[in-house]
Amino acid sequence: MHLTRSHRWTSFLGAALFVNALCLAMVRLRPGPQVALGATLDLTIPALYFLLIVRAGLAPAVSVLPVCLVGLLRATYLAPALGSARPVAGALAEAAVIGLLAVRVRRGLRAARSTDLLERIEQAAREILPFRRAADILAGELAVFCYAFASWRRAPDIPAGARAFTIHRQSGAATLFGFLAAVSLMEAALGHLLMARWNVTAAWILTVLTVYGAIWLTAVARSFALRPILLTSSELIVRVGILWTVAVPRSLVTLDRPGAEAGLRAPILADPNMMLRLAAPAVARGLFGVRRQVTTIALALDEPAAFQRVF
């Protein structure tokens, strides 16, 4: 019997839930060190994953590693003595998934160097995770760190045959986001010292959130330069850094003077110099899988006259 992709994932998830429930029942009904050890070291789920998913080509063989590490995390709940190792097991499982995703992205970029980094990250995440929402969230997190730390030697993504138009120089969007990132880092130390007088744990949480915010702002600032607006013979691709991407046929776009309202601004917090009116609603794809429909897009182009000439 030939199983489809969805049937294989459904069969694996159903079997995994059954095995986990069985292991939990064994530990609760027959408590003892031997039973707990056998339940925690059970390799049924990784074996099922290999047989149903990996052998069918739905995931690479190396993806068995994160599954095993998730099993180790499960073991910390089945064996009380392993509770102290729970944070380590969770961190290892997350690091394994991110590492696997990074390898897939790197291989994909080598195979097709003109591929947009953000799109390749999203594609690799969907190849690894069966759930689209989880894949989009993971892709968004990795994209933030890639653009913040690993994009400084990359050139802007401009496919062959496409004309690129930037939106970050005259508007100062990249400079603004970079400035905000620097300011937030400087304030992190002061905020930590003040908060620590009241609660040390809260101070560290605030510091981590502030540092992450600075990383996010840095990624956005960098992505403005790496993801310009693209115009091909048949399509207009509006890219607002890593924040939004809208692809529409040129035949559905009409140029107009900027108005007071717009469904999307490129970039945000900038005074537009051109308005795109769409004959039909288009889907704007955002970070972390966010979607919205737009019919008007306000652009703050660095070269609006050149854009009008070639449109």
C-alpha atoms as a PDB file:
ATOM      1  CA  MET A   1       0.000   0.000   0.000  1.00  0.00           C
ATOM      2  CA  HIS A   2       1.454   3.337  -1.039  1.00  0.00           C
ATOM      3  CA  LEU A   3       1.246   6.053   1.621  1.00  0.00           C
ATOM      4  CA  THR A   4       1.065   9.693   0.642  1.00  0.00           C
ATOM      5  CA  ARG A   5       3.181  12.347   2.325  1.00  0.00           C
ATOM      6  CA  SER A   6       0.360  13.461   4.623  1.00  0.00           C
ATOM      7  CA  HIS A   7      -0.529   9.861   5.501  1.00  0.00           C
ATOM      8  CA  ARG A   8       3.060   9.093   6.448  1.00  0.00           C
ATOM      9  CA  TRP A   9       3.283  12.123   8.740  1.00  0.00           C
ATOM     10  CA  THR A  10      -0.118  11.314  10.249  1.00  0.00           C
ATOM     11  CA  SER A  11       0.886   7.694  10.822  1.00  0.00           C
ATOM     12  CA  PHE A  12       4.169   8.704  12.443  1.00  0.00           C
ATOM     13  CA  LEU A  13       2.579  11.307  14.729  1.00  0.00           C
ATOM     14  CA  GLY A  14      -0.172   8.905  15.745  1.00  0.00           C
ATOM     15  CA  ALA A  15       2.344   6.165  16.502  1.00  0.00           C
ATOM     16  CA  ALA A  16       4.563   8.600  18.429  1.00  0.00           C
ATOM     17  CA  LEU A  17       1.632   9.688  20.601  1.00  0.00           C
ATOM     18  CA  PHE A  18       0.724   6.060  21.274  1.00  0.00           C
ATOM     19  CA  VAL A  19       4.293   5.098  22.217  1.00  0.00           C
ATOM     20  CA  ASN A  20       4.667   8.107  24.511  1.00  0.00           C
ATOM     21  CA  ALA A  21       1.350   7.343  26.210  1.00  0.00           C
ATOM     22  CA  LEU A  22       2.384   3.700  26.606  1.00  0.00           C
ATOM     23  CA  CYS A  23       5.748   4.655  28.152  1.00  0.00           C
ATOM     24  CA  LEU A  24       4.050   7.055  30.550  1.00  0.00           C
ATOM     25  CA  ALA A  25       1.505   4.418  31.554  1.00  0.00           C
ATOM     26  CA  MET A  26       4.251   1.860  32.199  1.00  0.00           C
ATOM     27  CA  VAL A  27       6.168   4.250  34.437  1.00  0.00           C
ATOM     28  CA  ARG A  28       3.040   5.248  36.391  1.00  0.00           C
ATOM     29  CA  LEU A  29       1.498   1.756  36.742  1.00  0.00           C
ATOM     30  CA  ARG A  30       4.725  -0.198  37.346  1.00  0.00           C
ATOM     31  CA  PRO A  31       7.109   2.278  39.008  1.00  0.00           C
ATOM     32  CA  GLY A  32      10.659   1.071  39.320  1.00  0.00           C
ATOM     33  CA  PRO A  33      14.163   1.855  38.090  1.00  0.00           C
ATOM     34  CA  GLN A  34      14.153  -0.884  35.449  1.00  0.00           C
ATOM     35  CA  VAL A  35      10.824   0.228  33.963  1.00  0.00           C
ATOM     36  CA  ALA A  36      11.859   3.896  33.993  1.00  0.00           C
ATOM     37  CA  LEU A  37      15.180   3.081  32.340  1.00  0.00           C
ATOM     38  CA  GLY A  38      13.518   0.986  29.653  1.00  0.00           C
ATOM     39  CA  ALA A  39      10.947   3.691  28.901  1.00  0.00           C
ATOM     40  CA  THR A  40      13.517   6.458  28.710  1.00  0.00           C
ATOM     41  CA  LEU A  41      15.871   4.501  26.447  1.00  0.00           C
ATOM     42  CA  ASP A  42      13.097   3.339  24.109  1.00  0.00           C
ATOM     43  CA  LEU A  43      14.084   3.928  20.460  1.00  0.00           C
ATOM     44  CA  THR A  44      10.760   3.014  18.885  1.00  0.00           C
ATOM     45  CA  ILE A  45       9.930   6.576  17.851  1.00  0.00           C
ATOM     46  CA  PRO A  46      13.286   7.273  16.109  1.00  0.00           C
ATOM     47  CA  ALA A  47      12.953   3.919  14.345  1.00  0.00           C
ATOM     48  CA  LEU A  48       9.426   4.729  13.156  1.00  0.00           C
ATOM     49  CA  TYR A  49      10.600   8.158  12.040  1.00  0.00           C
ATOM     50  CA  PHE A  50      13.371   6.579   9.978  1.00  0.00           C
ATOM     51  CA  LEU A  51      11.095   3.977   8.404  1.00  0.00           C
ATOM     52  CA  LEU A  52       8.094   6.206   7.659  1.00  0.00           C
ATOM     53  CA  ILE A  53       9.713   9.586   6.989  1.00  0.00           C
ATOM     54  CA  VAL A  54      13.413   9.328   6.164  1.00  0.00           C
ATOM     55  CA  ARG A  55      13.222   6.278   3.887  1.00  0.00           C
ATOM     56  CA  ALA A  56      10.395   7.928   1.950  1.00  0.00           C
ATOM     57  CA  GLY A  57      12.614  10.928   1.255  1.00  0.00           C
ATOM     58  CA  LEU A  58      10.458  13.323   3.282  1.00  0.00           C
ATOM     59  CA  ALA A  59      13.381  14.351   5.516  1.00  0.00           C
ATOM     60  CA  PRO A  60      17.166  13.836   5.494  1.00  0.00           C
ATOM     61  CA  ALA A  61      18.741  11.058   7.549  1.00  0.00           C
ATOM     62  CA  VAL A  62      20.488  13.564   9.788  1.00  0.00           C
ATOM     63  CA  SER A  63      17.077  14.767  10.996  1.00  0.00           C
ATOM     64  CA  VAL A  64      16.904  11.595  13.109  1.00  0.00           C
ATOM     65  CA  LEU A  65      19.275  13.351  15.527  1.00  0.00           C
ATOM     66  CA  PRO A  66      16.769  16.011  16.662  1.00  0.00           C
ATOM     67  CA  VAL A  67      14.146  13.268  17.060  1.00  0.00           C
ATOM     68  CA  CYS A  68      16.513  11.330  19.340  1.00  0.00           C
ATOM     69  CA  LEU A  69      17.258  14.469  21.340  1.00  0.00           C
ATOM     70  CA  VAL A  70      13.548  15.153  21.755  1.00  0.00           C
ATOM     71  CA  GLY A  71      13.323  11.589  23.053  1.00  0.00           C
ATOM     72  CA  LEU A  72      16.025  12.460  25.557  1.00  0.00           C
ATOM     73  CA  LEU A  73      13.937  15.445  26.624  1.00  0.00           C
ATOM     74  CA  ARG A  74      10.974  13.111  27.082  1.00  0.00           C
ATOM     75  CA  ALA A  75      13.141  10.917  29.280  1.00  0.00           C
ATOM     76  CA  THR A  76      13.609  13.758  31.766  1.00  0.00           C
ATOM     77  CA  TYR A  77       9.852  13.685  32.384  1.00  0.00           C
ATOM     78  CA  LEU A  78       9.629   9.891  32.689  1.00  0.00           C
ATOM     79  CA  ALA A  79      12.587   9.524  35.056  1.00  0.00           C
ATOM     80  CA  PRO A  80      12.437  12.014  37.954  1.00  0.00           C
ATOM     81  CA  ALA A  81      16.171  11.641  38.548  1.00  0.00           C
ATOM     82  CA  LEU A  82      16.830  13.199  35.129  1.00  0.00           C
ATOM     83  CA  GLY A  83      14.770  16.317  35.812  1.00  0.00           C
ATOM     84  CA  SER A  84      17.854  18.465  36.344  1.00  0.00           C
ATOM     85  CA  ALA A  85      19.021  17.614  32.808  1.00  0.00           C
ATOM     86  CA  ARG A  86      15.804  18.907  31.225  1.00  0.00           C
ATOM     87  CA  PRO A  87      17.136  22.375  30.235  1.00  0.00           C
ATOM     88  CA  VAL A  88      20.232  20.801  28.679  1.00  0.00           C
ATOM     89  CA  ALA A  89      18.180  18.257  26.721  1.00  0.00           C
ATOM     90  CA  GLY A  90      15.813  20.958  25.494  1.00  0.00           C
ATOM     91  CA  ALA A  91      18.690  23.196  24.433  1.00  0.00           C
ATOM     92  CA  LEU A  92      20.403  20.328  22.606  1.00  0.00           C
ATOM     93  CA  ALA A  93      17.200  19.451  20.739  1.00  0.00           C
ATOM     94  CA  GLU A  94      16.645  23.058  19.683  1.00  0.00           C
ATOM     95  CA  ALA A  95      20.294  23.476  18.666  1.00  0.00           C
ATOM     96  CA  ALA A  96      20.124  20.280  16.594  1.00  0.00           C
ATOM     97  CA  VAL A  97      17.050  21.495  14.689  1.00  0.00           C
ATOM     98  CA  ILE A  98      18.612  24.922  14.061  1.00  0.00           C
ATOM     99  CA  GLY A  99      21.908  23.334  13.013  1.00  0.00           C
ATOM    100  CA  LEU A 100      20.129  21.008  10.596  1.00  0.00           C
ATOM    101  CA  LEU A 101      18.212  23.939   9.163  1.00  0.00           C
ATOM    102  CA  ALA A 102      21.414  25.966   8.739  1.00  0.00           C
ATOM    103  CA  VAL A 103      23.074  23.093   6.854  1.00  0.00           C
ATOM    104  CA  ARG A 104      20.104  22.753   4.510  1.00  0.00           C
ATOM    105  CA  VAL A 105      20.065  26.494   3.851  1.00  0.00           C
ATOM    106  CA  ARG A 106      23.787  26.571   3.113  1.00  0.00           C
ATOM    107  CA  ARG A 107      23.561  23.663   0.699  1.00  0.00           C
ATOM    108  CA  GLY A 108      20.596  25.252  -1.034  1.00  0.00           C
ATOM    109  CA  LEU A 109      22.422  28.550  -1.488  1.00  0.00           C
ATOM    110  CA  ARG A 110      25.450  26.775  -2.930  1.00  0.00           C
ATOM    111  CA  ALA A 111      23.263  24.953  -5.419  1.00  0.00           C
ATOM    112  CA  ALA A 112      21.513  28.164  -6.475  1.00  0.00           C
ATOM    113  CA  ARG A 113      23.494  31.238  -5.546  1.00  0.00           C
ATOM    114  CA  SER A 114      20.851  33.639  -6.837  1.00  0.00           C
ATOM    115  CA  THR A 115      18.258  32.258  -4.397  1.00  0.00           C
ATOM    116  CA  ASP A 116      17.025  34.792  -1.892  1.00  0.00           C
ATOM    117  CA  LEU A 117      18.393  33.975   1.581  1.00  0.00           C
ATOM    118  CA  LEU A 118      15.059  34.503   3.313  1.00  0.00           C
ATOM    119  CA  GLU A 119      13.176  32.353   0.819  1.00  0.00           C
ATOM    120  CA  ARG A 120      15.777  29.603   1.098  1.00  0.00           C
ATOM    121  CA  ILE A 121      15.510  29.617   4.902  1.00  0.00           C
ATOM    122  CA  GLU A 122      11.721  29.320   4.695  1.00  0.00           C
ATOM    123  CA  GLN A 123      11.959  26.510   2.148  1.00  0.00           C
ATOM    124  CA  ALA A 124      14.473  24.564   4.239  1.00  0.00           C
ATOM    125  CA  ALA A 125      12.337  24.940   7.363  1.00  0.00           C
ATOM    126  CA  ARG A 126       9.316  23.502   5.556  1.00  0.00           C
ATOM    127  CA  GLU A 127      11.412  20.579   4.344  1.00  0.00           C
ATOM    128  CA  ILE A 128      12.389  19.735   7.931  1.00  0.00           C
ATOM    129  CA  LEU A 129       9.205  20.476   9.902  1.00  0.00           C
ATOM    130  CA  PRO A 130       5.853  19.014   8.830  1.00  0.00           C
ATOM    131  CA  PHE A 131       3.820  21.828  10.390  1.00  0.00           C
ATOM    132  CA  ARG A 132       3.829  25.003   8.322  1.00  0.00           C
ATOM    133  CA  ARG A 133       3.212  27.340  11.261  1.00  0.00           C
ATOM    134  CA  ALA A 134       6.079  25.870  13.270  1.00  0.00           C
ATOM    135  CA  ALA A 135       8.312  25.961  10.174  1.00  0.00           C
ATOM    136  CA  ASP A 136       7.499  29.637   9.564  1.00  0.00           C
ATOM    137  CA  ILE A 137       8.293  30.576  13.169  1.00  0.00           C
ATOM    138  CA  LEU A 138      11.578  28.663  13.095  1.00  0.00           C
ATOM    139  CA  ALA A 139      12.483  30.211   9.729  1.00  0.00           C
ATOM    140  CA  GLY A 140      11.754  33.680  11.049  1.00  0.00           C
ATOM    141  CA  GLU A 141      13.990  33.183  14.076  1.00  0.00           C
ATOM    142  CA  LEU A 142      16.862  31.844  11.977  1.00  0.00           C
ATOM    143  CA  ALA A 143      16.424  34.623   9.410  1.00  0.00           C
ATOM    144  CA  VAL A 144      16.787  37.258  12.116  1.00  0.00           C
ATOM    145  CA  PHE A 145      20.111  35.827  13.278  1.00  0.00           C
ATOM    146  CA  CYS A 146      21.357  35.187   9.735  1.00  0.00           C
ATOM    147  CA  TYR A 147      20.730  38.752   8.607  1.00  0.00           C
ATOM    148  CA  ALA A 148      22.088  40.198  11.856  1.00  0.00           C
ATOM    149  CA  PHE A 149      25.333  38.183  12.027  1.00  0.00           C
ATOM    150  CA  ALA A 150      25.987  36.240   8.811  1.00  0.00           C
ATOM    151  CA  SER A 151      25.026  38.630   6.018  1.00  0.00           C
ATOM    152  CA  TRP A 152      27.731  41.272   6.111  1.00  0.00           C
ATOM    153  CA  ARG A 153      29.657  39.808   3.183  1.00  0.00           C
ATOM    154  CA  ARG A 154      26.592  39.005   1.115  1.00  0.00           C
ATOM    155  CA  ALA A 155      25.651  41.043  -1.935  1.00  0.00           C
ATOM    156  CA  PRO A 156      22.066  42.184  -2.562  1.00  0.00           C
ATOM    157  CA  ASP A 157      19.861  39.471  -4.016  1.00  0.00           C
ATOM    158  CA  ILE A 158      19.156  40.506  -7.618  1.00  0.00           C
ATOM    159  CA  PRO A 159      18.238  37.597  -9.920  1.00  0.00           C
ATOM    160  CA  ALA A 160      19.344  37.635 -13.536  1.00  0.00           C
ATOM    161  CA  GLY A 161      17.004  39.658 -15.730  1.00  0.00           C
ATOM    162  CA  ALA A 162      15.574  41.684 -12.845  1.00  0.00           C
ATOM    163  CA  ARG A 163      15.975  45.395 -12.202  1.00  0.00           C
ATOM    164  CA  ALA A 164      16.534  46.400  -8.563  1.00  0.00           C
ATOM    165  CA  PHE A 165      15.291  49.532  -6.818  1.00  0.00           C
ATOM    166  CA  THR A 166      16.338  50.406  -3.268  1.00  0.00           C
ATOM    167  CA  ILE A 167      14.211  52.047  -0.577  1.00  0.00           C
ATOM    168  CA  HIS A 168      16.655  52.537   2.303  1.00  0.00           C
ATOM    169  CA  ARG A 169      19.031  55.344   1.306  1.00  0.00           C
ATOM    170  CA  GLN A 170      16.848  58.431   0.884  1.00  0.00           C
ATOM    171  CA  SER A 171      14.366  57.278   3.530  1.00  0.00           C
ATOM    172  CA  GLY A 172      17.145  56.530   6.030  1.00  0.00           C
ATOM    173  CA  ALA A 173      15.298  53.360   7.100  1.00  0.00           C
ATOM    174  CA  ALA A 174      18.415  51.234   7.488  1.00  0.00           C
ATOM    175  CA  THR A 175      20.187  53.965   9.439  1.00  0.00           C
ATOM    176  CA  LEU A 176      17.176  54.437  11.712  1.00  0.00           C
ATOM    177  CA  PHE A 177      16.879  50.752  12.567  1.00  0.00           C
ATOM    178  CA  GLY A 178      20.631  50.490  13.123  1.00  0.00           C
ATOM    179  CA  PHE A 179      20.557  53.516  15.415  1.00  0.00           C
ATOM    180  CA  LEU A 180      17.683  52.054  17.425  1.00  0.00           C
ATOM    181  CA  ALA A 181      19.612  48.797  17.790  1.00  0.00           C
ATOM    182  CA  ALA A 182      22.659  50.628  19.148  1.00  0.00           C
ATOM    183  CA  VAL A 183      20.570  52.698  21.569  1.00  0.00           C
ATOM    184  CA  SER A 184      18.723  49.632  22.876  1.00  0.00           C
ATOM    185  CA  LEU A 185      22.031  47.901  23.626  1.00  0.00           C
ATOM    186  CA  MET A 186      23.301  50.918  25.539  1.00  0.00           C
ATOM    187  CA  GLU A 187      20.093  51.057  27.539  1.00  0.00           C
ATOM    188  CA  ALA A 188      20.208  47.328  28.283  1.00  0.00           C
ATOM    189  CA  ALA A 189      23.036  47.698  30.802  1.00  0.00           C
ATOM    190  CA  LEU A 190      21.363  50.580  32.633  1.00  0.00           C
ATOM    191  CA  GLY A 191      18.016  48.829  32.645  1.00  0.00           C
ATOM    192  CA  HIS A 192      19.608  45.671  34.043  1.00  0.00           C
ATOM    193  CA  LEU A 193      21.243  47.537  36.924  1.00  0.00           C
ATOM    194  CA  LEU A 194      18.039  49.331  37.859  1.00  0.00           C
ATOM    195  CA  MET A 195      15.855  46.236  37.596  1.00  0.00           C
ATOM    196  CA  ALA A 196      18.348  44.089  39.554  1.00  0.00           C
ATOM    197  CA  ARG A 197      17.691  46.192  42.644  1.00  0.00           C
ATOM    198  CA  TRP A 198      14.123  44.957  42.580  1.00  0.00           C
ATOM    199  CA  ASN A 199      14.428  41.447  41.103  1.00  0.00           C
ATOM    200  CA  VAL A 200      17.501  39.778  39.603  1.00  0.00           C
ATOM    201  CA  THR A 201      15.523  37.271  37.545  1.00  0.00           C
ATOM    202  CA  ALA A 202      13.367  40.002  36.045  1.00  0.00           C
ATOM    203  CA  ALA A 203      16.513  42.004  35.297  1.00  0.00           C
ATOM    204  CA  TRP A 204      18.014  39.169  33.281  1.00  0.00           C
ATOM    205  CA  ILE A 205      14.743  38.556  31.436  1.00  0.00           C
ATOM    206  CA  LEU A 206      14.583  42.236  30.525  1.00  0.00           C
ATOM    207  CA  THR A 207      18.218  42.186  29.378  1.00  0.00           C
ATOM    208  CA  VAL A 208      17.713  39.119  27.178  1.00  0.00           C
ATOM    209  CA  LEU A 209      14.610  40.632  25.595  1.00  0.00           C
ATOM    210  CA  THR A 210      16.413  43.933  24.994  1.00  0.00           C
ATOM    211  CA  VAL A 211      19.404  42.224  23.388  1.00  0.00           C
ATOM    212  CA  TYR A 212      17.107  40.147  21.188  1.00  0.00           C
ATOM    213  CA  GLY A 213      15.312  43.333  20.174  1.00  0.00           C
ATOM    214  CA  ALA A 214      18.638  44.877  19.179  1.00  0.00           C
ATOM    215  CA  ILE A 215      19.474  41.786  17.106  1.00  0.00           C
ATOM    216  CA  TRP A 216      16.062  41.996  15.429  1.00  0.00           C
ATOM    217  CA  LEU A 217      16.531  45.690  14.603  1.00  0.00           C
ATOM    218  CA  THR A 218      20.008  44.983  13.200  1.00  0.00           C
ATOM    219  CA  ALA A 219      18.622  42.204  11.003  1.00  0.00           C
ATOM    220  CA  VAL A 220      15.898  44.467   9.630  1.00  0.00           C
ATOM    221  CA  ALA A 221      18.401  47.262   8.948  1.00  0.00           C
ATOM    222  CA  ARG A 222      20.704  44.900   7.089  1.00  0.00           C
ATOM    223  CA  SER A 223      17.884  43.278   5.112  1.00  0.00           C
ATOM    224  CA  PHE A 224      16.817  46.586   3.559  1.00  0.00           C
ATOM    225  CA  ALA A 225      20.043  46.670   1.555  1.00  0.00           C
ATOM    226  CA  LEU A 226      20.054  42.952   0.724  1.00  0.00           C
ATOM    227  CA  ARG A 227      16.433  42.679  -0.428  1.00  0.00           C
ATOM    228  CA  PRO A 228      15.654  45.547  -2.829  1.00  0.00           C
ATOM    229  CA  ILE A 229      12.443  45.830  -4.828  1.00  0.00           C
ATOM    230  CA  LEU A 230      12.620  43.782  -8.031  1.00  0.00           C
ATOM    231  CA  LEU A 231      11.059  44.484 -11.399  1.00  0.00           C
ATOM    232  CA  THR A 232      11.062  41.762 -14.060  1.00  0.00           C
ATOM    233  CA  SER A 233       9.454  41.604 -17.477  1.00  0.00           C
ATOM    234  CA  SER A 234       6.233  40.226 -15.982  1.00  0.00           C
ATOM    235  CA  GLU A 235       6.299  40.726 -12.231  1.00  0.00           C
ATOM    236  CA  LEU A 236       6.855  43.319  -9.534  1.00  0.00           C
ATOM    237  CA  ILE A 237       8.268  42.017  -6.247  1.00  0.00           C
ATOM    238  CA  VAL A 238       8.033  44.513  -3.396  1.00  0.00           C
ATOM    239  CA  ARG A 239      10.371  43.503  -0.571  1.00  0.00           C
ATOM    240  CA  VAL A 240      10.400  45.513   2.660  1.00  0.00           C
ATOM    241  CA  GLY A 241      13.561  43.966   4.056  1.00  0.00           C
ATOM    242  CA  ILE A 242      12.672  40.741   5.831  1.00  0.00           C
ATOM    243  CA  LEU A 243       9.423  42.262   7.094  1.00  0.00           C
ATOM    244  CA  TRP A 244       7.190  41.870   4.026  1.00  0.00           C
ATOM    245  CA  THR A 245       7.255  40.417   0.520  1.00  0.00           C
ATOM    246  CA  VAL A 246       4.562  41.009  -2.097  1.00  0.00           C
ATOM    247  CA  ALA A 247       4.746  39.600  -5.638  1.00  0.00           C
ATOM    248  CA  VAL A 248       2.195  40.839  -8.185  1.00  0.00           C
ATOM    249  CA  PRO A 249       1.942  40.728 -12.011  1.00  0.00           C
ATOM    250  CA  ARG A 250       2.910  44.036 -13.608  1.00  0.00           C
ATOM    251  CA  SER A 251      -0.338  44.052 -15.547  1.00  0.00           C
ATOM    252  CA  LEU A 252      -2.276  44.429 -12.273  1.00  0.00           C
ATOM    253  CA  VAL A 253      -0.267  47.415 -11.006  1.00  0.00           C
ATOM    254  CA  THR A 254      -1.040  51.066 -11.641  1.00  0.00           C
ATOM    255  CA  LEU A 255       1.296  53.874 -10.585  1.00  0.00           C
ATOM    256  CA  ASP A 256      -0.220  56.814  -8.732  1.00  0.00           C
ATOM    257  CA  ARG A 257       0.731  59.722  -6.513  1.00  0.00           C
ATOM    258  CA  PRO A 258       1.183  58.858  -2.826  1.00  0.00           C
ATOM    259  CA  GLY A 259      -2.004  59.108  -0.784  1.00  0.00           C
ATOM    260  CA  ALA A 260      -2.809  59.418   2.878  1.00  0.00           C
ATOM    261  CA  GLU A 261      -3.533  55.715   3.372  1.00  0.00           C
ATOM    262  CA  ALA A 262      -1.840  52.585   2.125  1.00  0.00           C
ATOM    263  CA  GLY A 263      -2.218  48.906   2.840  1.00  0.00           C
ATOM    264  CA  LEU A 264       1.555  48.557   3.072  1.00  0.00           C
ATOM    265  CA  ARG A 265       4.425  51.026   3.373  1.00  0.00           C
ATOM    266  CA  ALA A 266       7.873  50.276   1.982  1.00  0.00           C
ATOM    267  CA  PRO A 267       9.706  51.055   4.121  1.00  0.00           C
ATOM    268  CA  ILE A 268       7.690  51.754   7.233  1.00  0.00           C
ATOM    269  CA  LEU A 269       8.033  55.142   8.968  1.00  0.00           C
ATOM    270  CA  ALA A 270       9.046  56.810   5.663  1.00  0.00           C
ATOM    271  CA  ASP A 271       7.336  59.450   3.531  1.00  0.00           C
ATOM    272  CA  PRO A 272       6.286  57.723   0.276  1.00  0.00           C
ATOM    273  CA  ASN A 273       6.928  59.221  -3.141  1.00  0.00           C
ATOM    274  CA  MET A 274       4.851  56.730  -5.142  1.00  0.00           C
ATOM    275  CA  MET A 275       1.709  54.673  -4.721  1.00  0.00           C
ATOM    276  CA  LEU A 276       1.027  51.289  -6.290  1.00  0.00           C
ATOM    277  CA  ARG A 277      -2.625  50.468  -6.822  1.00  0.00           C
ATOM    278  CA  LEU A 278      -3.423  46.808  -7.434  1.00  0.00           C
ATOM    279  CA  ALA A 279      -6.325  45.700  -9.588  1.00  0.00           C
ATOM    280  CA  ALA A 280      -6.813  42.668  -7.308  1.00  0.00           C
ATOM    281  CA  PRO A 281      -5.823  42.035  -3.682  1.00  0.00           C
ATOM    282  CA  ALA A 282      -2.349  40.544  -3.239  1.00  0.00           C
ATOM    283  CA  VAL A 283      -1.006  38.565  -0.298  1.00  0.00           C
ATOM    284  CA  ALA A 284       1.822  40.202   1.619  1.00  0.00           C
ATOM    285  CA  ARG A 285       3.990  37.545   3.282  1.00  0.00           C
ATOM    286  CA  GLY A 286       5.541  38.653   6.543  1.00  0.00           C
ATOM    287  CA  LEU A 287       8.076  37.262   8.973  1.00  0.00           C
ATOM    288  CA  PHE A 288       7.039  34.273  11.123  1.00  0.00           C
ATOM    289  CA  GLY A 289       4.326  33.289   8.632  1.00  0.00           C
ATOM    290  CA  VAL A 290       2.188  36.421   9.005  1.00  0.00           C
ATOM    291  CA  ARG A 291      -0.102  37.087   6.026  1.00  0.00           C
ATOM    292  CA  ARG A 292      -2.217  40.069   5.028  1.00  0.00           C
ATOM    293  CA  GLN A 293      -4.021  41.213   1.883  1.00  0.00           C
ATOM    294  CA  VAL A 294      -3.183  44.578   0.335  1.00  0.00           C
ATOM    295  CA  THR A 295      -4.535  46.588  -2.569  1.00  0.00           C
ATOM    296  CA  THR A 296      -2.290  49.654  -2.196  1.00  0.00           C
ATOM    297  CA  ILE A 297       1.449  49.877  -1.519  1.00  0.00           C
ATOM    298  CA  ALA A 298       3.213  53.155  -0.719  1.00  0.00           C
ATOM    299  CA  LEU A 299       6.866  53.256  -1.800  1.00  0.00           C
ATOM    300  CA  ALA A 300       9.679  55.570  -0.701  1.00  0.00           C
ATOM    301  CA  LEU A 301      11.970  54.822  -3.632  1.00  0.00           C
ATOM    302  CA  ASP A 302      15.516  56.111  -3.825  1.00  0.00           C
ATOM    303  CA  GLU A 303      15.069  56.572  -7.587  1.00  0.00           C
ATOM    304  CA  PRO A 304      11.364  57.142  -8.298  1.00  0.00           C
ATOM    305  CA  ALA A 305      11.966  58.699 -11.731  1.00  0.00           C
ATOM    306  CA  ALA A 306      14.015  55.723 -12.917  1.00  0.00           C
ATOM    307  CA  PHE A 307      11.331  53.347 -11.643  1.00  0.00           C
ATOM    308  CA  GLN A 308       8.639  55.202 -13.607  1.00  0.00           C
ATOM    309  CA  ARG A 309      10.697  55.114 -16.798  1.00  0.00           C
ATOM    310  CA  VAL A 310      11.184  51.354 -16.834  1.00  0.00           C
ATOM    311  CA  PHE A 311       7.830  50.297 -15.376  1.00  0.00           C
END
